[in-house]
Amino acid sequence: MPDAFLTVNEKKIPLKDFMQEMLTNIILGYLKSTKAVPENIETIEIEIKL
């Protein structure tokens, strides 16, 4: 199972296994449809500032 972590306003938000897997699959689905992303993905870091 992948390790997925969520931090909001510098506070770590605990994720159950289902939520980790869902978040991972959403992001992988997006990235696999993007041409510039390599086929072999080992790690992903995403930072969003609002």
C-alpha atoms as a PDB file:
ATOM      1  CA  MET A   1       0.000   0.000   0.000  1.00  0.00           C
ATOM      2  CA  PRO A   2       1.316   3.493  -0.796  1.00  0.00           C
ATOM      3  CA  ASP A   3       2.165   5.997   1.900  1.00  0.00           C
ATOM      4  CA  ALA A   4       0.193   9.207   1.450  1.00  0.00           C
ATOM      5  CA  PHE A   5       0.346  12.128   3.852  1.00  0.00           C
ATOM      6  CA  LEU A   6      -1.782  15.248   4.151  1.00  0.00           C
ATOM      7  CA  THR A   7      -0.717  18.424   5.948  1.00  0.00           C
ATOM      8  CA  VAL A   8      -2.984  21.467   6.207  1.00  0.00           C
ATOM      9  CA  ASN A   9      -1.695  24.694   7.756  1.00  0.00           C
ATOM     10  CA  GLU A  10       1.339  22.755   9.021  1.00  0.00           C
ATOM     11  CA  LYS A  11      -0.938  20.271  10.852  1.00  0.00           C
ATOM     12  CA  LYS A  12      -0.672  16.602   9.860  1.00  0.00           C
ATOM     13  CA  ILE A  13      -4.083  15.169   9.039  1.00  0.00           C
ATOM     14  CA  PRO A  14      -4.381  11.449   9.776  1.00  0.00           C
ATOM     15  CA  LEU A  15      -5.602   9.388   6.818  1.00  0.00           C
ATOM     16  CA  LYS A  16      -7.079   5.908   7.030  1.00  0.00           C
ATOM     17  CA  ASP A  17      -5.788   3.311   4.566  1.00  0.00           C
ATOM     18  CA  PHE A  18      -8.769   3.840   2.253  1.00  0.00           C
ATOM     19  CA  MET A  19      -8.174   7.591   2.083  1.00  0.00           C
ATOM     20  CA  GLN A  20      -4.436   7.126   1.420  1.00  0.00           C
ATOM     21  CA  GLU A  21      -5.188   4.760  -1.443  1.00  0.00           C
ATOM     22  CA  MET A  22      -7.900   7.010  -2.880  1.00  0.00           C
ATOM     23  CA  LEU A  23      -5.678  10.115  -2.764  1.00  0.00           C
ATOM     24  CA  THR A  24      -2.827   8.184  -4.398  1.00  0.00           C
ATOM     25  CA  ASN A  25      -5.049   6.833  -7.183  1.00  0.00           C
ATOM     26  CA  ILE A  26      -6.514  10.263  -7.953  1.00  0.00           C
ATOM     27  CA  ILE A  27      -3.055  11.819  -8.282  1.00  0.00           C
ATOM     28  CA  LEU A  28      -1.598   8.882 -10.260  1.00  0.00           C
ATOM     29  CA  GLY A  29      -4.547   8.977 -12.663  1.00  0.00           C
ATOM     30  CA  TYR A  30      -3.935  12.661 -13.299  1.00  0.00           C
ATOM     31  CA  LEU A  31      -0.176  12.240 -13.743  1.00  0.00           C
ATOM     32  CA  LYS A  32      -0.415   9.235 -16.063  1.00  0.00           C
ATOM     33  CA  SER A  33      -2.491  11.312 -18.469  1.00  0.00           C
ATOM     34  CA  THR A  34       0.194  14.032 -18.529  1.00  0.00           C
ATOM     35  CA  LYS A  35       2.779  13.598 -21.297  1.00  0.00           C
ATOM     36  CA  ALA A  36       5.759  15.173 -19.496  1.00  0.00           C
ATOM     37  CA  VAL A  37       5.612  12.775 -16.527  1.00  0.00           C
ATOM     38  CA  PRO A  38       7.954   9.750 -16.693  1.00  0.00           C
ATOM     39  CA  GLU A  39       6.389   6.282 -16.902  1.00  0.00           C
ATOM     40  CA  ASN A  40       8.179   4.978 -13.813  1.00  0.00           C
ATOM     41  CA  ILE A  41       6.911   7.109 -10.895  1.00  0.00           C
ATOM     42  CA  GLU A  42       8.591   6.413  -7.557  1.00  0.00           C
ATOM     43  CA  THR A  43       7.765   9.481  -5.470  1.00  0.00           C
ATOM     44  CA  ILE A  44       5.448  12.474  -5.865  1.00  0.00           C
ATOM     45  CA  GLU A  45       5.523  15.755  -3.949  1.00  0.00           C
ATOM     46  CA  ILE A  46       2.697  18.255  -4.320  1.00  0.00           C
ATOM     47  CA  GLU A  47       2.514  21.664  -2.660  1.00  0.00           C
ATOM     48  CA  ILE A  48      -0.504  23.923  -3.030  1.00  0.00           C
ATOM     49  CA  LYS A  49      -0.518  27.426  -1.598  1.00  0.00           C
ATOM     50  CA  LEU A  50      -3.864  29.184  -1.482  1.00  0.00           C
END
